[in-house]
C-alpha atoms as a PDB file:
ATOM      1  CA  MET A   1      -0.925  -8.726   5.919  1.00  0.00           C
ATOM      2  CA  LYS A   2      -0.314  -5.002   5.230  1.00  0.00           C
ATOM      3  CA  ASN A   3      -0.393  -2.390   7.737  1.00  0.00           C
ATOM      4  CA  LYS A   4      -0.163   1.513   8.136  1.00  0.00           C
ATOM      5  CA  ILE A   5       1.477   1.347  11.605  1.00  0.00           C
ATOM      6  CA  LYS A   6       4.491   3.310  10.368  1.00  0.00           C
ATOM      7  CA  VAL A   7       2.294   5.980   9.026  1.00  0.00           C
ATOM      8  CA  PHE A   8       0.288   6.454  11.941  1.00  0.00           C
ATOM      9  CA  ARG A   9       3.461   6.374  14.285  1.00  0.00           C
ATOM     10  CA  ALA A  10       4.962   9.162  11.910  1.00  0.00           C
ATOM     11  CA  MET A  11       1.669  11.189  12.172  1.00  0.00           C
ATOM     12  CA  ARG A  12       2.037  11.249  15.999  1.00  0.00           C
ATOM     13  CA  ASP A  13       5.859  11.533  16.095  1.00  0.00           C
ATOM     14  CA  MET A  14       5.949   8.167  17.905  1.00  0.00           C
ATOM     15  CA  THR A  15       8.823   5.740  17.943  1.00  0.00           C
ATOM     16  CA  GLN A  16       8.511   1.969  17.776  1.00  0.00           C
ATOM     17  CA  GLU A  17       9.748   1.827  21.242  1.00  0.00           C
ATOM     18  CA  GLU A  18       7.032   4.246  22.413  1.00  0.00           C
ATOM     19  CA  LEU A  19       4.327   2.172  20.746  1.00  0.00           C
ATOM     20  CA  ALA A  20       5.681  -0.950  22.055  1.00  0.00           C
ATOM     21  CA  ASP A  21       5.685   0.480  25.584  1.00  0.00           C
ATOM     22  CA  ALA A  22       2.125   1.743  25.205  1.00  0.00           C
ATOM     23  CA  ILE A  23       0.736  -1.838  24.316  1.00  0.00           C
ATOM     24  CA  ARG A  24       3.352  -3.746  26.360  1.00  0.00           C
ATOM     25  CA  VAL A  25       5.211  -5.588  23.660  1.00  0.00           C
ATOM     26  CA  THR A  26       8.806  -5.380  22.559  1.00  0.00           C
ATOM     27  CA  ARG A  27      10.109  -2.851  19.988  1.00  0.00           C
ATOM     28  CA  ARG A  28      11.145  -5.904  18.007  1.00  0.00           C
ATOM     29  CA  THR A  29       7.481  -7.052  17.862  1.00  0.00           C
ATOM     30  CA  ILE A  30       6.368  -3.647  16.396  1.00  0.00           C
ATOM     31  CA  ASN A  31       9.190  -3.746  13.928  1.00  0.00           C
ATOM     32  CA  SER A  32       8.274  -7.233  12.639  1.00  0.00           C
ATOM     33  CA  ILE A  33       4.639  -6.300  12.362  1.00  0.00           C
ATOM     34  CA  GLU A  34       5.362  -3.126  10.464  1.00  0.00           C
ATOM     35  CA  ARG A  35       7.706  -5.175   7.947  1.00  0.00           C
ATOM     36  CA  GLY A  36       5.052  -7.693   7.433  1.00  0.00           C
ATOM     37  CA  LYS A  37       7.092 -10.584   9.040  1.00  0.00           C
ATOM     38  CA  TYR A  38       4.718 -11.336  11.775  1.00  0.00           C
ATOM     39  CA  ASN A  39       0.930 -11.138  12.082  1.00  0.00           C
ATOM     40  CA  PRO A  40      -0.233  -9.743  15.226  1.00  0.00           C
ATOM     41  CA  SER A  41      -2.903 -11.450  17.519  1.00  0.00           C
ATOM     42  CA  ILE A  42      -6.245  -9.868  17.586  1.00  0.00           C
ATOM     43  CA  GLU A  43      -5.517  -8.467  20.991  1.00  0.00           C
ATOM     44  CA  VAL A  44      -2.317  -6.715  19.884  1.00  0.00           C
ATOM     45  CA  ALA A  45      -4.027  -5.521  16.700  1.00  0.00           C
ATOM     46  CA  TYR A  46      -6.869  -4.025  18.857  1.00  0.00           C
ATOM     47  CA  LYS A  47      -4.204  -2.370  21.163  1.00  0.00           C
ATOM     48  CA  ILE A  48      -2.362  -0.745  18.357  1.00  0.00           C
ATOM     49  CA  ALA A  49      -5.696   0.661  16.733  1.00  0.00           C
ATOM     50  CA  LYS A  50      -6.797   1.863  20.264  1.00  0.00           C
ATOM     51  CA  VAL A  51      -3.515   3.807  20.586  1.00  0.00           C
ATOM     52  CA  PHE A  52      -4.183   5.602  17.353  1.00  0.00           C
ATOM     53  CA  ASN A  53      -7.857   6.030  18.037  1.00  0.00           C
ATOM     54  CA  VAL A  54      -8.788   4.095  14.656  1.00  0.00           C
ATOM     55  CA  THR A  55     -10.415   0.876  13.702  1.00  0.00           C
ATOM     56  CA  ILE A  56      -8.344  -2.282  13.154  1.00  0.00           C
ATOM     57  CA  GLU A  57      -9.450  -2.047   9.472  1.00  0.00           C
ATOM     58  CA  GLU A  58      -7.720   1.463   9.131  1.00  0.00           C
ATOM     59  CA  VAL A  59      -4.332   0.100  10.459  1.00  0.00           C
ATOM     60  CA  PHE A  60      -4.441  -3.424   8.888  1.00  0.00           C
ATOM     61  CA  CYS A  61      -5.276  -4.857   5.469  1.00  0.00           C
ATOM     62  CA  PHE A  62      -5.562  -8.566   4.937  1.00  0.00           C
ATOM     63  CA  GLU A  63      -4.279  -9.894   1.467  1.00  0.00           C
ATOM     64  CA  ASP A  64      -5.278 -13.091   0.001  1.00  0.00           C
ATOM     65  CA  ASN A  65      -2.708 -15.457  -1.397  1.00  0.00           C
ATOM     66  CA  ASP A  66      -2.877 -13.698  -4.806  1.00  0.00           C
ATOM     67  CA  GLY A  67      -1.581 -10.440  -3.173  1.00  0.00           C
ATOM     68  CA  GLU A  68      -5.046  -8.765  -3.665  1.00  0.00           C
ATOM     69  CA  ASP A  69      -6.770  -6.873  -0.942  1.00  0.00           C
ATOM     70  CA  THR A  70      -9.909  -8.668   0.311  1.00  0.00           C
ATOM     71  CA  GLU A  71     -11.796  -5.597   1.405  1.00  0.00           C
ATOM     72  CA  ALA A  72     -14.968  -4.983  -0.424  1.00  0.00           C
ATOM     73  CA  GLY A  73     -14.538  -2.749  -3.524  1.00  0.00           C
ATOM     74  CA  ARG A  74     -10.803  -3.555  -3.944  1.00  0.00           C
END
């Protein structure tokens, strides 16, 4: 699953630690999600989107096994 967490953090001059504190997870969790090594629970994904005041779909993009985006029109 691709994500734009790093982009949204940069737009707000926010560190991984600050985001982690805001949603009550570890900085390591944020790092793993950003790097695509860990897929967050729906609850964590929702909390991340809420911090940035955007939808989950604006932060996360699911890819199928072929590496193609599964959103309509892609």
